[in-house]
mmCIF file of all heavy atoms, coordinates in Angstrom:
data_MODEL
# 
_entry.id   MODEL 
# 
loop_
_atom_site.group_PDB 
_atom_site.id 
_atom_site.type_symbol 
_atom_site.label_atom_id 
_atom_site.label_alt_id 
_atom_site.label_comp_id 
_atom_site.label_asym_id 
_atom_site.label_entity_id 
_atom_site.label_seq_id 
_atom_site.pdbx_PDB_ins_code 
_atom_site.Cartn_x 
_atom_site.Cartn_y 
_atom_site.Cartn_z 
_atom_site.occupancy 
_atom_site.B_iso_or_equiv 
_atom_site.pdbx_formal_charge 
_atom_site.auth_seq_id 
_atom_site.auth_comp_id 
_atom_site.auth_asym_id 
_atom_site.auth_atom_id 
_atom_site.pdbx_PDB_model_num 
ATOM 1   N N   . SER A 1 1  ? -11.816 -13.807 11.760  1.00 0.00 ? 1  SER A N   1 
ATOM 2   C CA  . SER A 1 1  ? -12.688 -13.602 10.578  1.00 0.00 ? 1  SER A CA  1 
ATOM 3   C C   . SER A 1 1  ? -11.865 -13.594 9.327   1.00 0.00 ? 1  SER A C   1 
ATOM 4   O O   . SER A 1 1  ? -10.783 -13.009 9.269   1.00 0.00 ? 1  SER A O   1 
ATOM 5   C CB  . SER A 1 1  ? -13.377 -12.222 10.722  1.00 0.00 ? 1  SER A CB  1 
ATOM 6   O OG  . SER A 1 1  ? -13.918 -11.833 9.515   1.00 0.00 ? 1  SER A OG  1 
ATOM 7   N N   . PRO A 1 2  ? -12.366 -14.258 8.230   1.00 0.00 ? 2  PRO A N   1 
ATOM 8   C CA  . PRO A 1 2  ? -11.639 -14.238 6.931   1.00 0.00 ? 2  PRO A CA  1 
ATOM 9   C C   . PRO A 1 2  ? -11.472 -12.809 6.471   1.00 0.00 ? 2  PRO A C   1 
ATOM 10  O O   . PRO A 1 2  ? -10.462 -12.465 5.822   1.00 0.00 ? 2  PRO A O   1 
ATOM 11  C CB  . PRO A 1 2  ? -12.539 -15.039 6.011   1.00 0.00 ? 2  PRO A CB  1 
ATOM 12  C CG  . PRO A 1 2  ? -13.348 -15.915 6.941   1.00 0.00 ? 2  PRO A CG  1 
ATOM 13  C CD  . PRO A 1 2  ? -13.521 -15.142 8.205   1.00 0.00 ? 2  PRO A CD  1 
ATOM 14  N N   . LEU A 1 3  ? -12.464 -11.930 6.754   1.00 0.00 ? 3  LEU A N   1 
ATOM 15  C CA  . LEU A 1 3  ? -12.356 -10.524 6.331   1.00 0.00 ? 3  LEU A CA  1 
ATOM 16  C C   . LEU A 1 3  ? -11.228 -9.811  7.031   1.00 0.00 ? 3  LEU A C   1 
ATOM 17  O O   . LEU A 1 3  ? -10.451 -9.064  6.423   1.00 0.00 ? 3  LEU A O   1 
ATOM 18  C CB  . LEU A 1 3  ? -13.668 -9.796  6.631   1.00 0.00 ? 3  LEU A CB  1 
ATOM 19  C CG  . LEU A 1 3  ? -13.735 -8.300  6.251   1.00 0.00 ? 3  LEU A CG  1 
ATOM 20  C CD1 . LEU A 1 3  ? -13.472 -8.119  4.747   1.00 0.00 ? 3  LEU A CD1 1 
ATOM 21  C CD2 . LEU A 1 3  ? -15.037 -7.693  6.631   1.00 0.00 ? 3  LEU A CD2 1 
ATOM 22  N N   . LEU A 1 4  ? -11.021 -10.130 8.314   1.00 0.00 ? 4  LEU A N   1 
ATOM 23  C CA  . LEU A 1 4  ? -9.933  -9.502  9.059   1.00 0.00 ? 4  LEU A CA  1 
ATOM 24  C C   . LEU A 1 4  ? -8.591  -9.981  8.473   1.00 0.00 ? 4  LEU A C   1 
ATOM 25  O O   . LEU A 1 4  ? -7.646  -9.183  8.363   1.00 0.00 ? 4  LEU A O   1 
ATOM 26  C CB  . LEU A 1 4  ? -10.043 -9.905  10.528  1.00 0.00 ? 4  LEU A CB  1 
ATOM 27  C CG  . LEU A 1 4  ? -8.956  -9.317  11.479  1.00 0.00 ? 4  LEU A CG  1 
ATOM 28  C CD1 . LEU A 1 4  ? -8.970  -7.820  11.451  1.00 0.00 ? 4  LEU A CD1 1 
ATOM 29  C CD2 . LEU A 1 4  ? -9.196  -9.840  12.908  1.00 0.00 ? 4  LEU A CD2 1 
ATOM 30  N N   . ASN A 1 5  ? -8.506  -11.267 8.183   1.00 0.00 ? 5  ASN A N   1 
ATOM 31  C CA  . ASN A 1 5  ? -7.273  -11.813 7.585   1.00 0.00 ? 5  ASN A CA  1 
ATOM 32  C C   . ASN A 1 5  ? -6.936  -11.108 6.278   1.00 0.00 ? 5  ASN A C   1 
ATOM 33  O O   . ASN A 1 5  ? -5.816  -10.741 6.000   1.00 0.00 ? 5  ASN A O   1 
ATOM 34  C CB  . ASN A 1 5  ? -7.393  -13.305 7.361   1.00 0.00 ? 5  ASN A CB  1 
ATOM 35  C CG  . ASN A 1 5  ? -7.366  -14.088 8.695   1.00 0.00 ? 5  ASN A CG  1 
ATOM 36  O OD1 . ASN A 1 5  ? -6.858  -13.592 9.666   1.00 0.00 ? 5  ASN A OD1 1 
ATOM 37  N ND2 . ASN A 1 5  ? -7.994  -15.277 8.661   1.00 0.00 ? 5  ASN A ND2 1 
ATOM 38  N N   . ALA A 1 6  ? -7.966  -10.969 5.428   1.00 0.00 ? 6  ALA A N   1 
ATOM 39  C CA  . ALA A 1 6  ? -7.775  -10.304 4.140   1.00 0.00 ? 6  ALA A CA  1 
ATOM 40  C C   . ALA A 1 6  ? -7.351  -8.870  4.308   1.00 0.00 ? 6  ALA A C   1 
ATOM 41  O O   . ALA A 1 6  ? -6.464  -8.356  3.593   1.00 0.00 ? 6  ALA A O   1 
ATOM 42  C CB  . ALA A 1 6  ? -9.045  -10.379 3.318   1.00 0.00 ? 6  ALA A CB  1 
ATOM 43  N N   . THR A 1 7  ? -7.986  -8.160  5.280   1.00 0.00 ? 7  THR A N   1 
ATOM 44  C CA  . THR A 1 7  ? -7.635  -6.778  5.530   1.00 0.00 ? 7  THR A CA  1 
ATOM 45  C C   . THR A 1 7  ? -6.184  -6.646  5.968   1.00 0.00 ? 7  THR A C   1 
ATOM 46  O O   . THR A 1 7  ? -5.482  -5.774  5.584   1.00 0.00 ? 7  THR A O   1 
ATOM 47  C CB  . THR A 1 7  ? -8.568  -6.181  6.630   1.00 0.00 ? 7  THR A CB  1 
ATOM 48  O OG1 . THR A 1 7  ? -9.895  -6.285  6.128   1.00 0.00 ? 7  THR A OG1 1 
ATOM 49  C CG2 . THR A 1 7  ? -8.247  -4.694  6.845   1.00 0.00 ? 7  THR A CG2 1 
ATOM 50  N N   . SER A 1 8  ? -5.805  -7.532  6.865   1.00 0.00 ? 8  SER A N   1 
ATOM 51  C CA  . SER A 1 8  ? -4.410  -7.523  7.401   1.00 0.00 ? 8  SER A CA  1 
ATOM 52  C C   . SER A 1 8  ? -3.421  -7.723  6.258   1.00 0.00 ? 8  SER A C   1 
ATOM 53  O O   . SER A 1 8  ? -2.371  -7.091  6.182   1.00 0.00 ? 8  SER A O   1 
ATOM 54  C CB  . SER A 1 8  ? -4.210  -8.575  8.476   1.00 0.00 ? 8  SER A CB  1 
ATOM 55  O OG  . SER A 1 8  ? -5.084  -8.383  9.551   1.00 0.00 ? 8  SER A OG  1 
ATOM 56  N N   . LEU A 1 9  ? -3.745  -8.642  5.310   1.00 0.00 ? 9  LEU A N   1 
ATOM 57  C CA  . LEU A 1 9  ? -2.853  -8.894  4.182   1.00 0.00 ? 9  LEU A CA  1 
ATOM 58  C C   . LEU A 1 9  ? -2.709  -7.678  3.321   1.00 0.00 ? 9  LEU A C   1 
ATOM 59  O O   . LEU A 1 9  ? -1.639  -7.300  2.865   1.00 0.00 ? 9  LEU A O   1 
ATOM 60  C CB  . LEU A 1 9  ? -3.426  -10.112 3.389   1.00 0.00 ? 9  LEU A CB  1 
ATOM 61  C CG  . LEU A 1 9  ? -2.635  -10.486 2.129   1.00 0.00 ? 9  LEU A CG  1 
ATOM 62  C CD1 . LEU A 1 9  ? -1.191  -10.862 2.498   1.00 0.00 ? 9  LEU A CD1 1 
ATOM 63  C CD2 . LEU A 1 9  ? -3.301  -11.598 1.370   1.00 0.00 ? 9  LEU A CD2 1 
ATOM 64  N N   . VAL A 1 10 ? -3.887  -6.995  3.039   1.00 0.00 ? 10 VAL A N   1 
ATOM 65  C CA  . VAL A 1 10 ? -3.802  -5.783  2.208   1.00 0.00 ? 10 VAL A CA  1 
ATOM 66  C C   . VAL A 1 10 ? -2.969  -4.713  2.847   1.00 0.00 ? 10 VAL A C   1 
ATOM 67  O O   . VAL A 1 10 ? -2.152  -4.071  2.205   1.00 0.00 ? 10 VAL A O   1 
ATOM 68  C CB  . VAL A 1 10 ? -5.277  -5.293  1.932   1.00 0.00 ? 10 VAL A CB  1 
ATOM 69  C CG1 . VAL A 1 10 ? -5.232  -3.890  1.301   1.00 0.00 ? 10 VAL A CG1 1 
ATOM 70  C CG2 . VAL A 1 10 ? -6.014  -6.255  1.087   1.00 0.00 ? 10 VAL A CG2 1 
ATOM 71  N N   . LEU A 1 11 ? -3.130  -4.539  4.186   1.00 0.00 ? 11 LEU A N   1 
ATOM 72  C CA  . LEU A 1 11 ? -2.348  -3.517  4.863   1.00 0.00 ? 11 LEU A CA  1 
ATOM 73  C C   . LEU A 1 11 ? -0.881  -3.833  4.839   1.00 0.00 ? 11 LEU A C   1 
ATOM 74  O O   . LEU A 1 11 ? -0.044  -2.960  4.643   1.00 0.00 ? 11 LEU A O   1 
ATOM 75  C CB  . LEU A 1 11 ? -2.850  -3.389  6.339   1.00 0.00 ? 11 LEU A CB  1 
ATOM 76  C CG  . LEU A 1 11 ? -4.207  -2.789  6.528   1.00 0.00 ? 11 LEU A CG  1 
ATOM 77  C CD1 . LEU A 1 11 ? -4.634  -2.856  8.000   1.00 0.00 ? 11 LEU A CD1 1 
ATOM 78  C CD2 . LEU A 1 11 ? -4.243  -1.330  6.065   1.00 0.00 ? 11 LEU A CD2 1 
ATOM 79  N N   . CYS A 1 12 ? -0.550  -5.093  5.027   1.00 0.00 ? 12 CYS A N   1 
ATOM 80  C CA  . CYS A 1 12 ? 0.866   -5.515  4.968   1.00 0.00 ? 12 CYS A CA  1 
ATOM 81  C C   . CYS A 1 12 ? 1.486   -5.288  3.623   1.00 0.00 ? 12 CYS A C   1 
ATOM 82  O O   . CYS A 1 12 ? 2.583   -4.795  3.490   1.00 0.00 ? 12 CYS A O   1 
ATOM 83  C CB  . CYS A 1 12 ? 1.021   -7.009  5.394   1.00 0.00 ? 12 CYS A CB  1 
ATOM 84  S SG  . CYS A 1 12 ? 0.700   -7.311  7.143   1.00 0.00 ? 12 CYS A SG  1 
ATOM 85  N N   . LEU A 1 13 ? 0.702   -5.633  2.591   1.00 0.00 ? 13 LEU A N   1 
ATOM 86  C CA  . LEU A 1 13 ? 1.200   -5.413  1.213   1.00 0.00 ? 13 LEU A CA  1 
ATOM 87  C C   . LEU A 1 13 ? 1.351   -3.973  0.932   1.00 0.00 ? 13 LEU A C   1 
ATOM 88  O O   . LEU A 1 13 ? 2.317   -3.545  0.265   1.00 0.00 ? 13 LEU A O   1 
ATOM 89  C CB  . LEU A 1 13 ? 0.192   -6.052  0.216   1.00 0.00 ? 13 LEU A CB  1 
ATOM 90  C CG  . LEU A 1 13 ? 0.228   -7.603  0.114   1.00 0.00 ? 13 LEU A CG  1 
ATOM 91  C CD1 . LEU A 1 13 ? -0.889  -8.047  -0.806  1.00 0.00 ? 13 LEU A CD1 1 
ATOM 92  C CD2 . LEU A 1 13 ? 1.552   -8.084  -0.368  1.00 0.00 ? 13 LEU A CD2 1 
ATOM 93  N N   . GLY A 1 14 ? 0.424   -3.183  1.476   1.00 0.00 ? 14 GLY A N   1 
ATOM 94  C CA  . GLY A 1 14 ? 0.537   -1.739  1.261   1.00 0.00 ? 14 GLY A CA  1 
ATOM 95  C C   . GLY A 1 14 ? 1.759   -1.167  1.875   1.00 0.00 ? 14 GLY A C   1 
ATOM 96  O O   . GLY A 1 14 ? 2.470   -0.297  1.287   1.00 0.00 ? 14 GLY A O   1 
ATOM 97  N N   . LEU A 1 15 ? 2.133   -1.605  3.107   1.00 0.00 ? 15 LEU A N   1 
ATOM 98  C CA  . LEU A 1 15 ? 3.318   -1.145  3.765   1.00 0.00 ? 15 LEU A CA  1 
ATOM 99  C C   . LEU A 1 15 ? 4.584   -1.530  2.963   1.00 0.00 ? 15 LEU A C   1 
ATOM 100 O O   . LEU A 1 15 ? 5.589   -0.814  2.969   1.00 0.00 ? 15 LEU A O   1 
ATOM 101 C CB  . LEU A 1 15 ? 3.390   -1.698  5.190   1.00 0.00 ? 15 LEU A CB  1 
ATOM 102 C CG  . LEU A 1 15 ? 2.314   -1.139  6.136   1.00 0.00 ? 15 LEU A CG  1 
ATOM 103 C CD1 . LEU A 1 15 ? 2.380   -1.853  7.492   1.00 0.00 ? 15 LEU A CD1 1 
ATOM 104 C CD2 . LEU A 1 15 ? 2.520   0.383   6.365   1.00 0.00 ? 15 LEU A CD2 1 
ATOM 105 N N   . ILE A 1 16 ? 4.514   -2.694  2.363   1.00 0.00 ? 16 ILE A N   1 
ATOM 106 C CA  . ILE A 1 16 ? 5.666   -3.155  1.597   1.00 0.00 ? 16 ILE A CA  1 
ATOM 107 C C   . ILE A 1 16 ? 5.777   -2.345  0.309   1.00 0.00 ? 16 ILE A C   1 
ATOM 108 O O   . ILE A 1 16 ? 6.881   -1.973  -0.115  1.00 0.00 ? 16 ILE A O   1 
ATOM 109 C CB  . ILE A 1 16 ? 5.502   -4.642  1.225   1.00 0.00 ? 16 ILE A CB  1 
ATOM 110 C CG1 . ILE A 1 16 ? 5.604   -5.501  2.531   1.00 0.00 ? 16 ILE A CG1 1 
ATOM 111 C CG2 . ILE A 1 16 ? 6.607   -5.085  0.230   1.00 0.00 ? 16 ILE A CG2 1 
ATOM 112 C CD1 . ILE A 1 16 ? 5.276   -6.925  2.344   1.00 0.00 ? 16 ILE A CD1 1 
ATOM 113 N N   . LEU A 1 17 ? 4.664   -2.047  -0.378  1.00 0.00 ? 17 LEU A N   1 
ATOM 114 C CA  . LEU A 1 17 ? 4.723   -1.427  -1.705  1.00 0.00 ? 17 LEU A CA  1 
ATOM 115 C C   . LEU A 1 17 ? 4.897   0.069   -1.639  1.00 0.00 ? 17 LEU A C   1 
ATOM 116 O O   . LEU A 1 17 ? 5.500   0.631   -2.596  1.00 0.00 ? 17 LEU A O   1 
ATOM 117 C CB  . LEU A 1 17 ? 3.408   -1.754  -2.453  1.00 0.00 ? 17 LEU A CB  1 
ATOM 118 C CG  . LEU A 1 17 ? 3.226   -3.220  -2.841  1.00 0.00 ? 17 LEU A CG  1 
ATOM 119 C CD1 . LEU A 1 17 ? 1.844   -3.402  -3.464  1.00 0.00 ? 17 LEU A CD1 1 
ATOM 120 C CD2 . LEU A 1 17 ? 4.295   -3.664  -3.816  1.00 0.00 ? 17 LEU A CD2 1 
ATOM 121 N N   . ILE A 1 18 ? 4.428   0.744   -0.606  1.00 0.00 ? 18 ILE A N   1 
ATOM 122 C CA  . ILE A 1 18 ? 4.513   2.198   -0.589  1.00 0.00 ? 18 ILE A CA  1 
ATOM 123 C C   . ILE A 1 18 ? 5.894   2.747   -0.823  1.00 0.00 ? 18 ILE A C   1 
ATOM 124 O O   . ILE A 1 18 ? 6.109   3.648   -1.613  1.00 0.00 ? 18 ILE A O   1 
ATOM 125 C CB  . ILE A 1 18 ? 3.878   2.778   0.716   1.00 0.00 ? 18 ILE A CB  1 
ATOM 126 C CG1 . ILE A 1 18 ? 2.340   2.657   0.626   1.00 0.00 ? 18 ILE A CG1 1 
ATOM 127 C CG2 . ILE A 1 18 ? 4.307   4.207   0.965   1.00 0.00 ? 18 ILE A CG2 1 
ATOM 128 C CD1 . ILE A 1 18 ? 1.618   3.012   1.944   1.00 0.00 ? 18 ILE A CD1 1 
ATOM 129 N N   . PRO A 1 19 ? 6.940   2.217   -0.136  1.00 0.00 ? 19 PRO A N   1 
ATOM 130 C CA  . PRO A 1 19 ? 8.280   2.745   -0.386  1.00 0.00 ? 19 PRO A CA  1 
ATOM 131 C C   . PRO A 1 19 ? 8.774   2.534   -1.786  1.00 0.00 ? 19 PRO A C   1 
ATOM 132 O O   . PRO A 1 19 ? 9.731   3.184   -2.199  1.00 0.00 ? 19 PRO A O   1 
ATOM 133 C CB  . PRO A 1 19 ? 9.136   1.959   0.649   1.00 0.00 ? 19 PRO A CB  1 
ATOM 134 C CG  . PRO A 1 19 ? 8.171   1.485   1.664   1.00 0.00 ? 19 PRO A CG  1 
ATOM 135 C CD  . PRO A 1 19 ? 6.938   1.177   0.908   1.00 0.00 ? 19 PRO A CD  1 
ATOM 136 N N   . LEU A 1 20 ? 8.213   1.611   -2.519  1.00 0.00 ? 20 LEU A N   1 
ATOM 137 C CA  . LEU A 1 20 ? 8.666   1.275   -3.847  1.00 0.00 ? 20 LEU A CA  1 
ATOM 138 C C   . LEU A 1 20 ? 8.030   2.167   -4.938  1.00 0.00 ? 20 LEU A C   1 
ATOM 139 O O   . LEU A 1 20 ? 8.449   2.155   -6.066  1.00 0.00 ? 20 LEU A O   1 
ATOM 140 C CB  . LEU A 1 20 ? 8.420   -0.170  -4.185  1.00 0.00 ? 20 LEU A CB  1 
ATOM 141 C CG  . LEU A 1 20 ? 9.039   -1.221  -3.234  1.00 0.00 ? 20 LEU A CG  1 
ATOM 142 C CD1 . LEU A 1 20 ? 8.636   -2.606  -3.663  1.00 0.00 ? 20 LEU A CD1 1 
ATOM 143 C CD2 . LEU A 1 20 ? 10.530  -1.065  -3.193  1.00 0.00 ? 20 LEU A CD2 1 
ATOM 144 N N   . MET A 1 21 ? 7.023   2.929   -4.548  1.00 0.00 ? 21 MET A N   1 
ATOM 145 C CA  . MET A 1 21 ? 6.260   3.667   -5.561  1.00 0.00 ? 21 MET A CA  1 
ATOM 146 C C   . MET A 1 21 ? 6.958   5.041   -5.753  1.00 0.00 ? 21 MET A C   1 
ATOM 147 O O   . MET A 1 21 ? 7.482   5.612   -4.814  1.00 0.00 ? 21 MET A O   1 
ATOM 148 C CB  . MET A 1 21 ? 4.810   3.902   -5.079  1.00 0.00 ? 21 MET A CB  1 
ATOM 149 C CG  . MET A 1 21 ? 4.008   2.582   -4.929  1.00 0.00 ? 21 MET A CG  1 
ATOM 150 S SD  . MET A 1 21 ? 2.366   2.881   -4.287  1.00 0.00 ? 21 MET A SD  1 
ATOM 151 C CE  . MET A 1 21 ? 1.585   3.631   -5.677  1.00 0.00 ? 21 MET A CE  1 
ATOM 152 N N   . THR A 1 22 ? 6.953   5.499   -7.008  1.00 0.00 ? 22 THR A N   1 
ATOM 153 C CA  . THR A 1 22 ? 7.465   6.824   -7.320  1.00 0.00 ? 22 THR A CA  1 
ATOM 154 C C   . THR A 1 22 ? 6.378   7.647   -7.912  1.00 0.00 ? 22 THR A C   1 
ATOM 155 O O   . THR A 1 22 ? 5.503   7.145   -8.623  1.00 0.00 ? 22 THR A O   1 
ATOM 156 C CB  . THR A 1 22 ? 8.634   6.739   -8.336  1.00 0.00 ? 22 THR A CB  1 
ATOM 157 O OG1 . THR A 1 22 ? 8.196   6.105   -9.515  1.00 0.00 ? 22 THR A OG1 1 
ATOM 158 C CG2 . THR A 1 22 ? 9.798   5.954   -7.716  1.00 0.00 ? 22 THR A CG2 1 
ATOM 159 N N   . TRP A 1 23 ? 6.422   8.935   -7.666  1.00 0.00 ? 23 TRP A N   1 
ATOM 160 C CA  . TRP A 1 23 ? 5.341   9.831   -8.100  1.00 0.00 ? 23 TRP A CA  1 
ATOM 161 C C   . TRP A 1 23 ? 5.922   10.963  -8.963  1.00 0.00 ? 23 TRP A C   1 
ATOM 162 O O   . TRP A 1 23 ? 6.988   11.486  -8.710  1.00 0.00 ? 23 TRP A O   1 
ATOM 163 C CB  . TRP A 1 23 ? 4.631   10.471  -6.899  1.00 0.00 ? 23 TRP A CB  1 
ATOM 164 C CG  . TRP A 1 23 ? 4.006   9.384   -6.045  1.00 0.00 ? 23 TRP A CG  1 
ATOM 165 C CD1 . TRP A 1 23 ? 4.579   8.763   -4.972  1.00 0.00 ? 23 TRP A CD1 1 
ATOM 166 C CD2 . TRP A 1 23 ? 2.734   8.811   -6.191  1.00 0.00 ? 23 TRP A CD2 1 
ATOM 167 N NE1 . TRP A 1 23 ? 3.721   7.828   -4.446  1.00 0.00 ? 23 TRP A NE1 1 
ATOM 168 C CE2 . TRP A 1 23 ? 2.554   7.866   -5.138  1.00 0.00 ? 23 TRP A CE2 1 
ATOM 169 C CE3 . TRP A 1 23 ? 1.686   9.005   -7.105  1.00 0.00 ? 23 TRP A CE3 1 
ATOM 170 C CZ2 . TRP A 1 23 ? 1.415   7.090   -4.987  1.00 0.00 ? 23 TRP A CZ2 1 
ATOM 171 C CZ3 . TRP A 1 23 ? 0.543   8.241   -6.925  1.00 0.00 ? 23 TRP A CZ3 1 
ATOM 172 C CH2 . TRP A 1 23 ? 0.409   7.321   -5.906  1.00 0.00 ? 23 TRP A CH2 1 
ATOM 173 N N   . ALA A 1 24 ? 5.216   11.330  -10.014 1.00 0.00 ? 24 ALA A N   1 
ATOM 174 C CA  . ALA A 1 24 ? 5.646   12.424  -10.875 1.00 0.00 ? 24 ALA A CA  1 
ATOM 175 C C   . ALA A 1 24 ? 5.424   13.710  -10.172 1.00 0.00 ? 24 ALA A C   1 
ATOM 176 O O   . ALA A 1 24 ? 4.414   13.940  -9.470  1.00 0.00 ? 24 ALA A O   1 
ATOM 177 C CB  . ALA A 1 24 ? 4.869   12.386  -12.172 1.00 0.00 ? 24 ALA A CB  1 
ATOM 178 N N   . GLY A 1 25 ? 6.378   14.714  -10.315 1.00 0.00 ? 25 GLY A N   1 
ATOM 179 C CA  . GLY A 1 25 ? 6.222   16.007  -9.792  1.00 0.00 ? 25 GLY A CA  1 
ATOM 180 C C   . GLY A 1 25 ? 5.299   16.837  -10.622 1.00 0.00 ? 25 GLY A C   1 
ATOM 181 O O   . GLY A 1 25 ? 4.999   16.556  -11.805 1.00 0.00 ? 25 GLY A O   1 
ATOM 182 N N   . VAL A 1 26 ? 4.829   17.964  -10.095 1.00 0.00 ? 26 VAL A N   1 
ATOM 183 C CA  . VAL A 1 26 ? 3.979   18.868  -10.760 1.00 0.00 ? 26 VAL A CA  1 
ATOM 184 C C   . VAL A 1 26 ? 4.716   20.201  -10.985 1.00 0.00 ? 26 VAL A C   1 
ATOM 185 O O   . VAL A 1 26 ? 5.314   20.706  -10.064 1.00 0.00 ? 26 VAL A O   1 
ATOM 186 C CB  . VAL A 1 26 ? 2.669   19.130  -10.021 1.00 0.00 ? 26 VAL A CB  1 
ATOM 187 C CG1 . VAL A 1 26 ? 1.810   20.152  -10.710 1.00 0.00 ? 26 VAL A CG1 1 
ATOM 188 C CG2 . VAL A 1 26 ? 1.880   17.807  -9.833  1.00 0.00 ? 26 VAL A CG2 1 
ATOM 189 N N   . PHE A 1 27 ? 4.660   20.725  -12.225 1.00 0.00 ? 27 PHE A N   1 
ATOM 190 C CA  . PHE A 1 27 ? 5.322   21.998  -12.461 1.00 0.00 ? 27 PHE A CA  1 
ATOM 191 C C   . PHE A 1 27 ? 4.607   23.088  -11.656 1.00 0.00 ? 27 PHE A C   1 
ATOM 192 O O   . PHE A 1 27 ? 3.384   23.239  -11.761 1.00 0.00 ? 27 PHE A O   1 
ATOM 193 C CB  . PHE A 1 27 ? 5.171   22.396  -13.965 1.00 0.00 ? 27 PHE A CB  1 
ATOM 194 C CG  . PHE A 1 27 ? 6.008   21.524  -14.898 1.00 0.00 ? 27 PHE A CG  1 
ATOM 195 C CD1 . PHE A 1 27 ? 5.427   20.924  -16.012 1.00 0.00 ? 27 PHE A CD1 1 
ATOM 196 C CD2 . PHE A 1 27 ? 7.371   21.374  -14.695 1.00 0.00 ? 27 PHE A CD2 1 
ATOM 197 C CE1 . PHE A 1 27 ? 6.173   20.173  -16.893 1.00 0.00 ? 27 PHE A CE1 1 
ATOM 198 C CE2 . PHE A 1 27 ? 8.150   20.601  -15.546 1.00 0.00 ? 27 PHE A CE2 1 
ATOM 199 C CZ  . PHE A 1 27 ? 7.551   20.013  -16.668 1.00 0.00 ? 27 PHE A CZ  1 
ATOM 200 N N   . PRO A 1 28 ? 5.341   23.851  -10.902 1.00 0.00 ? 28 PRO A N   1 
ATOM 201 C CA  . PRO A 1 28 ? 4.706   25.034  -10.216 1.00 0.00 ? 28 PRO A CA  1 
ATOM 202 C C   . PRO A 1 28 ? 4.331   26.056  -11.279 1.00 0.00 ? 28 PRO A C   1 
ATOM 203 O O   . PRO A 1 28 ? 5.009   26.228  -12.309 1.00 0.00 ? 28 PRO A O   1 
ATOM 204 C CB  . PRO A 1 28 ? 5.838   25.576  -9.322  1.00 0.00 ? 28 PRO A CB  1 
ATOM 205 C CG  . PRO A 1 28 ? 6.821   24.465  -9.210  1.00 0.00 ? 28 PRO A CG  1 
ATOM 206 C CD  . PRO A 1 28 ? 6.740   23.709  -10.507 1.00 0.00 ? 28 PRO A CD  1 
# 
């Protein structure tokens, strides 16, 4: 299914991008 292909691509991109993302901390 084209939808399955697109979903797989999004998941793969997500796995690639997650380690590159940085998040701001919150002051306690």
